[in-house]
PDB file of N, CA and C in Angstrom:
ATOM      1  N   MET A   1       8.854  18.858 -37.922  1.00  0.00           N
ATOM      2  CA  MET A   1       8.451  19.187 -36.575  1.00  0.00           C
ATOM      3  C   MET A   1       6.990  18.820 -36.331  1.00  0.00           C
ATOM      4  N   GLN A   2       6.145  19.130 -37.314  1.00  0.00           N
ATOM      5  CA  GLN A   2       4.728  18.830 -37.153  1.00  0.00           C
ATOM      6  C   GLN A   2       4.486  17.316 -37.150  1.00  0.00           C
ATOM      7  N   LYS A   3       5.266  16.560 -37.940  1.00  0.00           N
ATOM      8  CA  LYS A   3       5.143  15.106 -37.944  1.00  0.00           C
ATOM      9  C   LYS A   3       5.528  14.535 -36.586  1.00  0.00           C
ATOM     10  N   THR A   4       6.541  15.105 -35.969  1.00  0.00           N
ATOM     11  CA  THR A   4       6.979  14.648 -34.648  1.00  0.00           C
ATOM     12  C   THR A   4       5.884  14.892 -33.619  1.00  0.00           C
ATOM     13  N   ARG A   5       5.265  16.058 -33.660  1.00  0.00           N
ATOM     14  CA  ARG A   5       4.163  16.366 -32.735  1.00  0.00           C
ATOM     15  C   ARG A   5       2.989  15.422 -32.933  1.00  0.00           C
ATOM     16  N   LEU A   6       2.654  15.163 -34.185  1.00  0.00           N
ATOM     17  CA  LEU A   6       1.552  14.252 -34.489  1.00  0.00           C
ATOM     18  C   LEU A   6       1.866  12.846 -33.971  1.00  0.00           C
ATOM     19  N   PHE A   7       3.106  12.392 -34.185  1.00  0.00           N
ATOM     20  CA  PHE A   7       3.512  11.079 -33.698  1.00  0.00           C
ATOM     21  C   PHE A   7       3.417  11.016 -32.176  1.00  0.00           C
ATOM     22  N   LEU A   8       3.910  12.038 -31.491  1.00  0.00           N
ATOM     23  CA  LEU A   8       3.869  12.053 -30.026  1.00  0.00           C
ATOM     24  C   LEU A   8       2.433  12.090 -29.508  1.00  0.00           C
ATOM     25  N   ALA A   9       1.586  12.875 -30.134  1.00  0.00           N
ATOM     26  CA  ALA A   9       0.185  12.952 -29.718  1.00  0.00           C
ATOM     27  C   ALA A   9      -0.510  11.601 -29.904  1.00  0.00           C
ATOM     28  N   THR A  10      -0.245  10.945 -31.022  1.00  0.00           N
ATOM     29  CA  THR A  10      -0.831   9.633 -31.273  1.00  0.00           C
ATOM     30  C   THR A  10      -0.332   8.606 -30.268  1.00  0.00           C
ATOM     31  N   ALA A  11       0.963   8.613 -29.988  1.00  0.00           N
ATOM     32  CA  ALA A  11       1.547   7.679 -29.024  1.00  0.00           C
ATOM     33  C   ALA A  11       0.951   7.884 -27.639  1.00  0.00           C
ATOM     34  N   LEU A  12       0.814   9.130 -27.210  1.00  0.00           N
ATOM     35  CA  LEU A  12       0.228   9.402 -25.897  1.00  0.00           C
ATOM     36  C   LEU A  12      -1.232   8.977 -25.832  1.00  0.00           C
ATOM     37  N   ALA A  13      -1.982   9.175 -26.900  1.00  0.00           N
ATOM     38  CA  ALA A  13      -3.378   8.744 -26.924  1.00  0.00           C
ATOM     39  C   ALA A  13      -3.485   7.228 -26.815  1.00  0.00           C
ATOM     40  N   LEU A  14      -2.609   6.507 -27.522  1.00  0.00           N
ATOM     41  CA  LEU A  14      -2.630   5.047 -27.441  1.00  0.00           C
ATOM     42  C   LEU A  14      -2.240   4.556 -26.059  1.00  0.00           C
ATOM     43  N   ILE A  15      -1.239   5.156 -25.458  1.00  0.00           N
ATOM     44  CA  ILE A  15      -0.830   4.774 -24.104  1.00  0.00           C
ATOM     45  C   ILE A  15      -1.969   5.023 -23.127  1.00  0.00           C
ATOM     46  N   GLY A  16      -2.658   6.144 -23.262  1.00  0.00           N
ATOM     47  CA  GLY A  16      -3.799   6.449 -22.392  1.00  0.00           C
ATOM     48  C   GLY A  16      -4.923   5.452 -22.574  1.00  0.00           C
ATOM     49  N   ALA A  17      -5.200   5.045 -23.805  1.00  0.00           N
ATOM     50  CA  ALA A  17      -6.270   4.068 -24.056  1.00  0.00           C
ATOM     51  C   ALA A  17      -5.932   2.722 -23.443  1.00  0.00           C
ATOM     52  N   VAL A  18      -4.672   2.295 -23.550  1.00  0.00           N
ATOM     53  CA  VAL A  18      -4.258   1.021 -22.944  1.00  0.00           C
ATOM     54  C   VAL A  18      -4.363   1.107 -21.431  1.00  0.00           C
ATOM     55  N   ALA A  19      -3.957   2.213 -20.837  1.00  0.00           N
ATOM     56  CA  ALA A  19      -4.026   2.363 -19.378  1.00  0.00           C
ATOM     57  C   ALA A  19      -5.468   2.299 -18.896  1.00  0.00           C
ATOM     58  N   LEU A  20      -6.392   2.928 -19.617  1.00  0.00           N
ATOM     59  CA  LEU A  20      -7.795   2.886 -19.215  1.00  0.00           C
ATOM     60  C   LEU A  20      -8.355   1.480 -19.336  1.00  0.00           C
ATOM     61  N   ALA A  21      -7.996   0.758 -20.395  1.00  0.00           N
ATOM     62  CA  ALA A  21      -8.482  -0.607 -20.558  1.00  0.00           C
ATOM     63  C   ALA A  21      -7.975  -1.492 -19.435  1.00  0.00           C
ATOM     64  N   ASP A  22      -6.770  -1.226 -18.947  1.00  0.00           N
ATOM     65  CA  ASP A  22      -6.195  -2.012 -17.867  1.00  0.00           C
ATOM     66  C   ASP A  22      -6.659  -1.539 -16.499  1.00  0.00           C
ATOM     67  N   GLY A  23      -7.479  -0.497 -16.436  1.00  0.00           N
ATOM     68  CA  GLY A  23      -7.919   0.046 -15.154  1.00  0.00           C
ATOM     69  C   GLY A  23      -8.685  -0.934 -14.297  1.00  0.00           C
ATOM     70  N   LEU A  24      -9.361  -1.896 -14.896  1.00  0.00           N
ATOM     71  CA  LEU A  24     -10.131  -2.886 -14.151  1.00  0.00           C
ATOM     72  C   LEU A  24      -9.244  -4.019 -13.641  1.00  0.00           C
ATOM     73  N   VAL A  25      -8.065  -4.183 -14.222  1.00  0.00           N
ATOM     74  CA  VAL A  25      -7.171  -5.277 -13.832  1.00  0.00           C
ATOM     75  C   VAL A  25      -6.727  -5.087 -12.385  1.00  0.00           C
ATOM     76  N   GLY A  26      -6.832  -6.155 -11.606  1.00  0.00           N
ATOM     77  CA  GLY A  26      -6.417  -6.125 -10.208  1.00  0.00           C
ATOM     78  C   GLY A  26      -7.404  -6.883  -9.342  1.00  0.00           C
ATOM     79  N   THR A  27      -7.227  -6.749  -8.044  1.00  0.00           N
ATOM     80  CA  THR A  27      -8.125  -7.372  -7.080  1.00  0.00           C
ATOM     81  C   THR A  27      -8.880  -6.279  -6.358  1.00  0.00           C
ATOM     82  N   TRP A  28     -10.183  -6.443  -6.258  1.00  0.00           N
ATOM     83  CA  TRP A  28     -11.083  -5.431  -5.726  1.00  0.00           C
ATOM     84  C   TRP A  28     -11.921  -6.006  -4.585  1.00  0.00           C
ATOM     85  N   THR A  29     -12.164  -5.209  -3.575  1.00  0.00           N
ATOM     86  CA  THR A  29     -13.132  -5.542  -2.538  1.00  0.00           C
ATOM     87  C   THR A  29     -14.408  -4.791  -2.872  1.00  0.00           C
ATOM     88  N   LEU A  30     -15.486  -5.544  -3.147  1.00  0.00           N
ATOM     89  CA  LEU A  30     -16.758  -4.950  -3.528  1.00  0.00           C
ATOM     90  C   LEU A  30     -17.716  -4.952  -2.345  1.00  0.00           C
ATOM     91  N   SER A  31     -18.517  -3.901  -2.245  1.00  0.00           N
ATOM     92  CA  SER A  31     -19.536  -3.784  -1.194  1.00  0.00           C
ATOM     93  C   SER A  31     -20.842  -3.374  -1.827  1.00  0.00           C
ATOM     94  N   GLY A  32     -21.915  -3.887  -1.278  1.00  0.00           N
ATOM     95  CA  GLY A  32     -23.239  -3.532  -1.778  1.00  0.00           C
ATOM     96  C   GLY A  32     -24.290  -3.819  -0.728  1.00  0.00           C
ATOM     97  N   GLU A  33     -25.516  -3.607  -1.111  1.00  0.00           N
ATOM     98  CA  GLU A  33     -26.645  -3.861  -0.218  1.00  0.00           C
ATOM     99  C   GLU A  33     -27.503  -4.934  -0.875  1.00  0.00           C
ATOM    100  N   GLY A  34     -27.595  -6.081  -0.224  1.00  0.00           N
ATOM    101  CA  GLY A  34     -28.392  -7.183  -0.748  1.00  0.00           C
ATOM    102  C   GLY A  34     -29.775  -7.198  -0.144  1.00  0.00           C
ATOM    103  N   ARG A  35     -30.520  -8.191  -0.514  1.00  0.00           N
ATOM    104  CA  ARG A  35     -31.892  -8.342  -0.024  1.00  0.00           C
ATOM    105  C   ARG A  35     -31.929  -8.500   1.493  1.00  0.00           C
ATOM    106  N   ASN A  36     -30.888  -9.130   2.056  1.00  0.00           N
ATOM    107  CA  ASN A  36     -30.838  -9.390   3.496  1.00  0.00           C
ATOM    108  C   ASN A  36     -29.796  -8.548   4.228  1.00  0.00           C
ATOM    109  N   GLY A  37     -29.389  -7.426   3.638  1.00  0.00           N
ATOM    110  CA  GLY A  37     -28.424  -6.557   4.294  1.00  0.00           C
ATOM    111  C   GLY A  37     -27.147  -6.389   3.486  1.00  0.00           C
ATOM    112  N   PRO A  38     -26.090  -5.880   4.130  1.00  0.00           N
ATOM    113  CA  PRO A  38     -24.829  -5.604   3.432  1.00  0.00           C
ATOM    114  C   PRO A  38     -24.200  -6.880   2.866  1.00  0.00           C
ATOM    115  N   THR A  39     -23.563  -6.730   1.715  1.00  0.00           N
ATOM    116  CA  THR A  39     -22.848  -7.836   1.082  1.00  0.00           C
ATOM    117  C   THR A  39     -21.434  -7.402   0.760  1.00  0.00           C
ATOM    118  N   SER A  40     -20.541  -8.368   0.668  1.00  0.00           N
ATOM    119  CA  SER A  40     -19.179  -8.082   0.228  1.00  0.00           C
ATOM    120  C   SER A  40     -18.697  -9.235  -0.632  1.00  0.00           C
ATOM    121  N   SER A  41     -17.813  -8.927  -1.548  1.00  0.00           N
ATOM    122  CA  SER A  41     -17.235  -9.945  -2.420  1.00  0.00           C
ATOM    123  C   SER A  41     -15.872  -9.459  -2.886  1.00  0.00           C
ATOM    124  N   GLU A  42     -15.126 -10.394  -3.469  1.00  0.00           N
ATOM    125  CA  GLU A  42     -13.807 -10.052  -3.994  1.00  0.00           C
ATOM    126  C   GLU A  42     -13.806 -10.330  -5.488  1.00  0.00           C
ATOM    127  N   LEU A  43     -13.441  -9.314  -6.253  1.00  0.00           N
ATOM    128  CA  LEU A  43     -13.368  -9.383  -7.706  1.00  0.00           C
ATOM    129  C   LEU A  43     -11.904  -9.406  -8.105  1.00  0.00           C
ATOM    130  N   THR A  44     -11.530 -10.357  -8.940  1.00  0.00           N
ATOM    131  CA  THR A  44     -10.169 -10.429  -9.458  1.00  0.00           C
ATOM    132  C   THR A  44     -10.232 -10.429 -10.980  1.00  0.00           C
ATOM    133  N   VAL A  45      -9.525  -9.488 -11.604  1.00  0.00           N
ATOM    134  CA  VAL A  45      -9.476  -9.389 -13.064  1.00  0.00           C
ATOM    135  C   VAL A  45      -8.010  -9.404 -13.483  1.00  0.00           C
ATOM    136  N   MET A  46      -7.694 -10.289 -14.438  1.00  0.00           N
ATOM    137  CA  MET A  46      -6.328 -10.426 -14.943  1.00  0.00           C
ATOM    138  C   MET A  46      -6.319 -10.205 -16.456  1.00  0.00           C
ATOM    139  N   LYS A  47      -5.148  -9.852 -16.961  1.00  0.00           N
ATOM    140  CA  LYS A  47      -4.990  -9.691 -18.408  1.00  0.00           C
ATOM    141  C   LYS A  47      -3.851 -10.593 -18.854  1.00  0.00           C
ATOM    142  N   ALA A  48      -4.145 -11.473 -19.808  1.00  0.00           N
ATOM    143  CA  ALA A  48      -3.134 -12.365 -20.361  1.00  0.00           C
ATOM    144  C   ALA A  48      -3.343 -12.455 -21.866  1.00  0.00           C
ATOM    145  N   ASP A  49      -2.265 -12.271 -22.611  1.00  0.00           N
ATOM    146  CA  ASP A  49      -2.333 -12.334 -24.075  1.00  0.00           C
ATOM    147  C   ASP A  49      -3.397 -11.396 -24.640  1.00  0.00           C
ATOM    148  N   GLY A  50      -3.562 -10.238 -24.003  1.00  0.00           N
ATOM    149  CA  GLY A  50      -4.493  -9.229 -24.481  1.00  0.00           C
ATOM    150  C   GLY A  50      -5.943  -9.458 -24.102  1.00  0.00           C
ATOM    151  N   ALA A  51      -6.244 -10.573 -23.410  1.00  0.00           N
ATOM    152  CA  ALA A  51      -7.624 -10.871 -23.035  1.00  0.00           C
ATOM    153  C   ALA A  51      -7.814 -10.724 -21.532  1.00  0.00           C
ATOM    154  N   LEU A  52      -8.974 -10.224 -21.132  1.00  0.00           N
ATOM    155  CA  LEU A  52      -9.309 -10.096 -19.718  1.00  0.00           C
ATOM    156  C   LEU A  52     -10.033 -11.354 -19.240  1.00  0.00           C
ATOM    157  N   THR A  53      -9.630 -11.861 -18.081  1.00  0.00           N
ATOM    158  CA  THR A  53     -10.288 -12.991 -17.437  1.00  0.00           C
ATOM    159  C   THR A  53     -10.456 -12.628 -15.972  1.00  0.00           C
ATOM    160  N   GLY A  54     -11.279 -13.386 -15.266  1.00  0.00           N
ATOM    161  CA  GLY A  54     -11.419 -13.083 -13.856  1.00  0.00           C
ATOM    162  C   GLY A  54     -12.430 -13.941 -13.154  1.00  0.00           C
ATOM    163  N   SER A  55     -12.594 -13.630 -11.868  1.00  0.00           N
ATOM    164  CA  SER A  55     -13.557 -14.353 -11.042  1.00  0.00           C
ATOM    165  C   SER A  55     -14.072 -13.411  -9.964  1.00  0.00           C
ATOM    166  N   ILE A  56     -15.188 -13.810  -9.377  1.00  0.00           N
ATOM    167  CA  ILE A  56     -15.762 -13.075  -8.261  1.00  0.00           C
ATOM    168  C   ILE A  56     -16.142 -14.100  -7.200  1.00  0.00           C
ATOM    169  N   THR A  57     -15.798 -13.794  -5.954  1.00  0.00           N
ATOM    170  CA  THR A  57     -16.067 -14.698  -4.839  1.00  0.00           C
ATOM    171  C   THR A  57     -16.788 -13.924  -3.751  1.00  0.00           C
ATOM    172  N   GLY A  58     -17.876 -14.506  -3.260  1.00  0.00           N
ATOM    173  CA  GLY A  58     -18.653 -13.855  -2.212  1.00  0.00           C
ATOM    174  C   GLY A  58     -19.269 -14.868  -1.278  1.00  0.00           C
ATOM    175  N   GLU A  59     -20.220 -14.407  -0.492  1.00  0.00           N
ATOM    176  CA  GLU A  59     -20.861 -15.257   0.499  1.00  0.00           C
ATOM    177  C   GLU A  59     -21.587 -16.449  -0.117  1.00  0.00           C
ATOM    178  N   ARG A  60     -22.010 -16.327  -1.344  1.00  0.00           N
ATOM    179  CA  ARG A  60     -22.763 -17.410  -2.004  1.00  0.00           C
ATOM    180  C   ARG A  60     -21.899 -18.249  -2.928  1.00  0.00           C
ATOM    181  N   GLY A  61     -20.599 -18.114  -2.865  1.00  0.00           N
ATOM    182  CA  GLY A  61     -19.720 -18.915  -3.706  1.00  0.00           C
ATOM    183  C   GLY A  61     -18.912 -18.067  -4.664  1.00  0.00           C
ATOM    184  N   SER A  62     -18.394 -18.726  -5.697  1.00  0.00           N
ATOM    185  CA  SER A  62     -17.567 -18.015  -6.664  1.00  0.00           C
ATOM    186  C   SER A  62     -18.022 -18.336  -8.080  1.00  0.00           C
ATOM    187  N   ALA A  63     -17.622 -17.473  -8.997  1.00  0.00           N
ATOM    188  CA  ALA A  63     -17.984 -17.642 -10.405  1.00  0.00           C
ATOM    189  C   ALA A  63     -16.886 -17.057 -11.275  1.00  0.00           C
ATOM    190  N   GLN A  64     -16.692 -17.663 -12.430  1.00  0.00           N
ATOM    191  CA  GLN A  64     -15.788 -17.121 -13.432  1.00  0.00           C
ATOM    192  C   GLN A  64     -16.530 -16.023 -14.190  1.00  0.00           C
ATOM    193  N   LEU A  65     -15.795 -14.999 -14.594  1.00  0.00           N
ATOM    194  CA  LEU A  65     -16.395 -13.896 -15.355  1.00  0.00           C
ATOM    195  C   LEU A  65     -16.421 -14.247 -16.831  1.00  0.00           C
ATOM    196  N   LYS A  66     -17.473 -13.823 -17.507  1.00  0.00           N
ATOM    197  CA  LYS A  66     -17.550 -13.958 -18.952  1.00  0.00           C
ATOM    198  C   LYS A  66     -17.913 -12.606 -19.549  1.00  0.00           C
ATOM    199  N   SER A  67     -17.641 -12.489 -20.812  1.00  0.00           N
ATOM    200  CA  SER A  67     -18.024 -11.292 -21.567  1.00  0.00           C
ATOM    201  C   SER A  67     -17.494 -10.011 -20.926  1.00  0.00           C
ATOM    202  N   ILE A  68     -16.236 -10.019 -20.511  1.00  0.00           N
ATOM    203  CA  ILE A  68     -15.630  -8.816 -19.910  1.00  0.00           C
ATOM    204  C   ILE A  68     -15.327  -7.829 -21.026  1.00  0.00           C
ATOM    205  N   THR A  69     -15.877  -6.620 -20.908  1.00  0.00           N
ATOM    206  CA  THR A  69     -15.586  -5.575 -21.879  1.00  0.00           C
ATOM    207  C   THR A  69     -15.195  -4.295 -21.141  1.00  0.00           C
ATOM    208  N   THR A  70     -14.336  -3.519 -21.771  1.00  0.00           N
ATOM    209  CA  THR A  70     -13.973  -2.201 -21.255  1.00  0.00           C
ATOM    210  C   THR A  70     -14.085  -1.201 -22.392  1.00  0.00           C
ATOM    211  N   ASP A  71     -14.450   0.017 -22.032  1.00  0.00           N
ATOM    212  CA  ASP A  71     -14.560   1.097 -23.006  1.00  0.00           C
ATOM    213  C   ASP A  71     -14.214   2.383 -22.277  1.00  0.00           C
ATOM    214  N   GLY A  72     -12.990   2.862 -22.460  1.00  0.00           N
ATOM    215  CA  GLY A  72     -12.541   4.019 -21.686  1.00  0.00           C
ATOM    216  C   GLY A  72     -12.480   3.635 -20.227  1.00  0.00           C
ATOM    217  N   ASP A  73     -13.174   4.365 -19.361  1.00  0.00           N
ATOM    218  CA  ASP A  73     -13.187   4.009 -17.945  1.00  0.00           C
ATOM    219  C   ASP A  73     -14.379   3.124 -17.593  1.00  0.00           C
ATOM    220  N   GLY A  74     -15.194   2.762 -18.588  1.00  0.00           N
ATOM    221  CA  GLY A  74     -16.351   1.906 -18.355  1.00  0.00           C
ATOM    222  C   GLY A  74     -16.021   0.432 -18.505  1.00  0.00           C
ATOM    223  N   PHE A  75     -16.822  -0.411 -17.875  1.00  0.00           N
ATOM    224  CA  PHE A  75     -16.633  -1.853 -17.970  1.00  0.00           C
ATOM    225  C   PHE A  75     -17.971  -2.562 -17.813  1.00  0.00           C
ATOM    226  N   SER A  76     -17.996  -3.820 -18.223  1.00  0.00           N
ATOM    227  CA  SER A  76     -19.123  -4.702 -17.939  1.00  0.00           C
ATOM    228  C   SER A  76     -18.625  -6.138 -17.987  1.00  0.00           C
ATOM    229  N   PHE A  77     -19.313  -7.004 -17.258  1.00  0.00           N
ATOM    230  CA  PHE A  77     -19.031  -8.431 -17.307  1.00  0.00           C
ATOM    231  C   PHE A  77     -20.223  -9.183 -16.738  1.00  0.00           C
ATOM    232  N   VAL A  78     -20.246 -10.482 -16.980  1.00  0.00           N
ATOM    233  CA  VAL A  78     -21.311 -11.360 -16.499  1.00  0.00           C
ATOM    234  C   VAL A  78     -20.680 -12.436 -15.629  1.00  0.00           C
ATOM    235  N   ALA A  79     -21.316 -12.729 -14.503  1.00  0.00           N
ATOM    236  CA  ALA A  79     -20.924 -13.840 -13.636  1.00  0.00           C
ATOM    237  C   ALA A  79     -22.134 -14.749 -13.490  1.00  0.00           C
ATOM    238  N   VAL A  80     -21.947 -16.041 -13.718  1.00  0.00           N
ATOM    239  CA  VAL A  80     -23.039 -17.001 -13.552  1.00  0.00           C
ATOM    240  C   VAL A  80     -22.829 -17.709 -12.219  1.00  0.00           C
ATOM    241  N   MET A  81     -23.743 -17.478 -11.299  1.00  0.00           N
ATOM    242  CA  MET A  81     -23.664 -18.085  -9.970  1.00  0.00           C
ATOM    243  C   MET A  81     -24.458 -19.386  -9.962  1.00  0.00           C
ATOM    244  N   GLU A  82     -23.829 -20.435  -9.441  1.00  0.00           N
ATOM    245  CA  GLU A  82     -24.494 -21.725  -9.298  1.00  0.00           C
ATOM    246  C   GLU A  82     -24.991 -21.841  -7.858  1.00  0.00           C
ATOM    247  N   THR A  83     -26.298 -22.046  -7.701  1.00  0.00           N
ATOM    248  CA  THR A  83     -26.888 -22.201  -6.371  1.00  0.00           C
ATOM    249  C   THR A  83     -27.734 -23.465  -6.343  1.00  0.00           C
ATOM    250  N   ARG A  84     -28.138 -23.857  -5.171  1.00  0.00           N
ATOM    251  CA  ARG A  84     -28.991 -25.049  -5.065  1.00  0.00           C
ATOM    252  C   ARG A  84     -30.368 -24.816  -5.673  1.00  0.00           C
ATOM    253  N   MET A  85     -30.707 -23.556  -5.898  1.00  0.00           N
ATOM    254  CA  MET A  85     -31.987 -23.228  -6.537  1.00  0.00           C
ATOM    255  C   MET A  85     -31.831 -23.055  -8.045  1.00  0.00           C
ATOM    256  N   GLY A  86     -30.630 -23.307  -8.559  1.00  0.00           N
ATOM    257  CA  GLY A  86     -30.359 -23.163  -9.986  1.00  0.00           C
ATOM    258  C   GLY A  86     -29.336 -22.077 -10.258  1.00  0.00           C
ATOM    259  N   ASP A  87     -28.934 -21.959 -11.503  1.00  0.00           N
ATOM    260  CA  ASP A  87     -27.956 -20.960 -11.923  1.00  0.00           C
ATOM    261  C   ASP A  87     -28.661 -19.650 -12.245  1.00  0.00           C
ATOM    262  N   PHE A  88     -27.975 -18.542 -11.943  1.00  0.00           N
ATOM    263  CA  PHE A  88     -28.495 -17.251 -12.382  1.00  0.00           C
ATOM    264  C   PHE A  88     -27.351 -16.326 -12.736  1.00  0.00           C
ATOM    265  N   GLU A  89     -27.631 -15.411 -13.664  1.00  0.00           N
ATOM    266  CA  GLU A  89     -26.630 -14.457 -14.150  1.00  0.00           C
ATOM    267  C   GLU A  89     -26.680 -13.165 -13.360  1.00  0.00           C
ATOM    268  N   LEU A  90     -25.488 -12.655 -13.076  1.00  0.00           N
ATOM    269  CA  LEU A  90     -25.322 -11.321 -12.507  1.00  0.00           C
ATOM    270  C   LEU A  90     -24.570 -10.512 -13.549  1.00  0.00           C
ATOM    271  N   THR A  91     -25.160  -9.417 -13.995  1.00  0.00           N
ATOM    272  CA  THR A  91     -24.529  -8.571 -15.001  1.00  0.00           C
ATOM    273  C   THR A  91     -24.085  -7.277 -14.339  1.00  0.00           C
ATOM    274  N   TYR A  92     -22.771  -7.065 -14.307  1.00  0.00           N
ATOM    275  CA  TYR A  92     -22.182  -5.884 -13.696  1.00  0.00           C
ATOM    276  C   TYR A  92     -21.834  -4.879 -14.788  1.00  0.00           C
ATOM    277  N   SER A  93     -22.047  -3.595 -14.521  1.00  0.00           N
ATOM    278  CA  SER A  93     -21.580  -2.530 -15.412  1.00  0.00           C
ATOM    279  C   SER A  93     -21.286  -1.301 -14.571  1.00  0.00           C
ATOM    280  N   GLY A  94     -20.218  -0.610 -14.937  1.00  0.00           N
ATOM    281  CA  GLY A  94     -19.843   0.556 -14.159  1.00  0.00           C
ATOM    282  C   GLY A  94     -18.622   1.252 -14.706  1.00  0.00           C
ATOM    283  N   THR A  95     -17.972   2.027 -13.831  1.00  0.00           N
ATOM    284  CA  THR A  95     -16.789   2.786 -14.204  1.00  0.00           C
ATOM    285  C   THR A  95     -15.702   2.631 -13.150  1.00  0.00           C
ATOM    286  N   VAL A  96     -14.464   2.779 -13.606  1.00  0.00           N
ATOM    287  CA  VAL A  96     -13.295   2.759 -12.734  1.00  0.00           C
ATOM    288  C   VAL A  96     -12.698   4.153 -12.729  1.00  0.00           C
ATOM    289  N   SER A  97     -12.343   4.622 -11.540  1.00  0.00           N
ATOM    290  CA  SER A  97     -11.649   5.896 -11.393  1.00  0.00           C
ATOM    291  C   SER A  97     -10.511   5.677 -10.403  1.00  0.00           C
ATOM    292  N   GLY A  98      -9.306   5.475 -10.933  1.00  0.00           N
ATOM    293  CA  GLY A  98      -8.160   5.202 -10.063  1.00  0.00           C
ATOM    294  C   GLY A  98      -8.333   3.882  -9.342  1.00  0.00           C
ATOM    295  N   ASP A  99      -8.372   3.934  -8.027  1.00  0.00           N
ATOM    296  CA  ASP A  99      -8.497   2.729  -7.213  1.00  0.00           C
ATOM    297  C   ASP A  99      -9.897   2.523  -6.662  1.00  0.00           C
ATOM    298  N   THR A 100     -10.900   3.148  -7.283  1.00  0.00           N
ATOM    299  CA  THR A 100     -12.288   2.942  -6.870  1.00  0.00           C
ATOM    300  C   THR A 100     -13.129   2.599  -8.098  1.00  0.00           C
ATOM    301  N   LEU A 101     -14.186   1.868  -7.864  1.00  0.00           N
ATOM    302  CA  LEU A 101     -15.139   1.601  -8.942  1.00  0.00           C
ATOM    303  C   LEU A 101     -16.550   1.781  -8.414  1.00  0.00           C
ATOM    304  N   THR A 102     -17.416   2.153  -9.312  1.00  0.00           N
ATOM    305  CA  THR A 102     -18.831   2.312  -9.030  1.00  0.00           C
ATOM    306  C   THR A 102     -19.575   1.533 -10.096  1.00  0.00           C
ATOM    307  N   ALA A 103     -20.521   0.694  -9.665  1.00  0.00           N
ATOM    308  CA  ALA A 103     -21.199  -0.153 -10.631  1.00  0.00           C
ATOM    309  C   ALA A 103     -22.613  -0.443 -10.180  1.00  0.00           C
ATOM    310  N   SER A 104     -23.348  -1.068 -11.072  1.00  0.00           N
ATOM    311  CA  SER A 104     -24.635  -1.644 -10.712  1.00  0.00           C
ATOM    312  C   SER A 104     -24.590  -3.097 -11.151  1.00  0.00           C
ATOM    313  N   VAL A 105     -25.297  -3.933 -10.424  1.00  0.00           N
ATOM    314  CA  VAL A 105     -25.381  -5.347 -10.766  1.00  0.00           C
ATOM    315  C   VAL A 105     -26.847  -5.677 -10.997  1.00  0.00           C
ATOM    316  N   GLU A 106     -27.118  -6.244 -12.159  1.00  0.00           N
ATOM    317  CA  GLU A 106     -28.462  -6.689 -12.495  1.00  0.00           C
ATOM    318  C   GLU A 106     -28.612  -8.112 -11.990  1.00  0.00           C
ATOM    319  N   THR A 107     -29.574  -8.330 -11.105  1.00  0.00           N
ATOM    320  CA  THR A 107     -29.835  -9.643 -10.534  1.00  0.00           C
ATOM    321  C   THR A 107     -31.233 -10.083 -10.947  1.00  0.00           C
ATOM    322  N   PRO A 108     -31.576 -11.346 -10.709  1.00  0.00           N
ATOM    323  CA  PRO A 108     -32.950 -11.764 -10.999  1.00  0.00           C
ATOM    324  C   PRO A 108     -33.992 -10.989 -10.181  1.00  0.00           C
ATOM    325  N   MET A 109     -33.541 -10.329  -9.091  1.00  0.00           N
ATOM    326  CA  MET A 109     -34.468  -9.570  -8.245  1.00  0.00           C
ATOM    327  C   MET A 109     -34.339  -8.065  -8.429  1.00  0.00           C
ATOM    328  N   GLY A 110     -33.685  -7.640  -9.504  1.00  0.00           N
ATOM    329  CA  GLY A 110     -33.562  -6.216  -9.775  1.00  0.00           C
ATOM    330  C   GLY A 110     -32.125  -5.732  -9.742  1.00  0.00           C
ATOM    331  N   SER A 111     -31.960  -4.437  -9.906  1.00  0.00           N
ATOM    332  CA  SER A 111     -30.646  -3.807  -9.955  1.00  0.00           C
ATOM    333  C   SER A 111     -30.221  -3.336  -8.568  1.00  0.00           C
ATOM    334  N   ARG A 112     -28.929  -3.488  -8.278  1.00  0.00           N
ATOM    335  CA  ARG A 112     -28.394  -3.048  -6.996  1.00  0.00           C
ATOM    336  C   ARG A 112     -27.072  -2.294  -7.230  1.00  0.00           C
ATOM    337  N   PRO A 113     -26.828  -1.224  -6.469  1.00  0.00           N
ATOM    338  CA  PRO A 113     -25.557  -0.503  -6.586  1.00  0.00           C
ATOM    339  C   PRO A 113     -24.423  -1.261  -5.907  1.00  0.00           C
ATOM    340  N   VAL A 114     -23.223  -1.128  -6.448  1.00  0.00           N
ATOM    341  CA  VAL A 114     -22.033  -1.760  -5.900  1.00  0.00           C
ATOM    342  C   VAL A 114     -20.896  -0.744  -5.959  1.00  0.00           C
ATOM    343  N   THR A 115     -20.073  -0.712  -4.912  1.00  0.00           N
ATOM    344  CA  THR A 115     -18.859   0.096  -4.939  1.00  0.00           C
ATOM    345  C   THR A 115     -17.678  -0.832  -4.672  1.00  0.00           C
ATOM    346  N   GLY A 116     -16.503  -0.387  -5.060  1.00  0.00           N
ATOM    347  CA  GLY A 116     -15.325  -1.217  -4.858  1.00  0.00           C
ATOM    348  C   GLY A 116     -14.071  -0.389  -4.667  1.00  0.00           C
ATOM    349  N   VAL A 117     -13.124  -0.982  -3.952  1.00  0.00           N
ATOM    350  CA  VAL A 117     -11.795  -0.395  -3.790  1.00  0.00           C
ATOM    351  C   VAL A 117     -10.759  -1.444  -4.156  1.00  0.00           C
ATOM    352  N   ARG A 118      -9.704  -0.978  -4.812  1.00  0.00           N
ATOM    353  CA  ARG A 118      -8.615  -1.871  -5.210  1.00  0.00           C
ATOM    354  C   ARG A 118      -7.824  -2.283  -3.974  1.00  0.00           C
ATOM    355  N   LYS A 119      -7.498  -3.558  -3.902  1.00  0.00           N
ATOM    356  CA  LYS A 119      -6.690  -4.060  -2.776  1.00  0.00           C
ATOM    357  C   LYS A 119      -5.234  -3.724  -2.990  1.00  0.00           C
TER     358      LYS A 119
END
């Protein structure tokens, strides 16, 4: 009986960990405040063969995501934006709670808050 309980507890913990890791998967509408006012972008994260991939598209173009990591309800990733003034990295980190996310993005001009809702 005790072995059965231990097995069930372990199975539920593993299922919960997988669900949290997949919490970022989906399409998100992101909103933030930029240097020139409100900004919006669309974040898409997919999972294939156990690896997370994705892209982000906004007013300044689109970028593929790199270095996507998840830890419980936390996440981080890097997007390299190509502009006529050169390439720059945007580093996002935050948390997912159901169909909402809260994050900060590190830009060459400082950190900015970002919120998102799942589409």
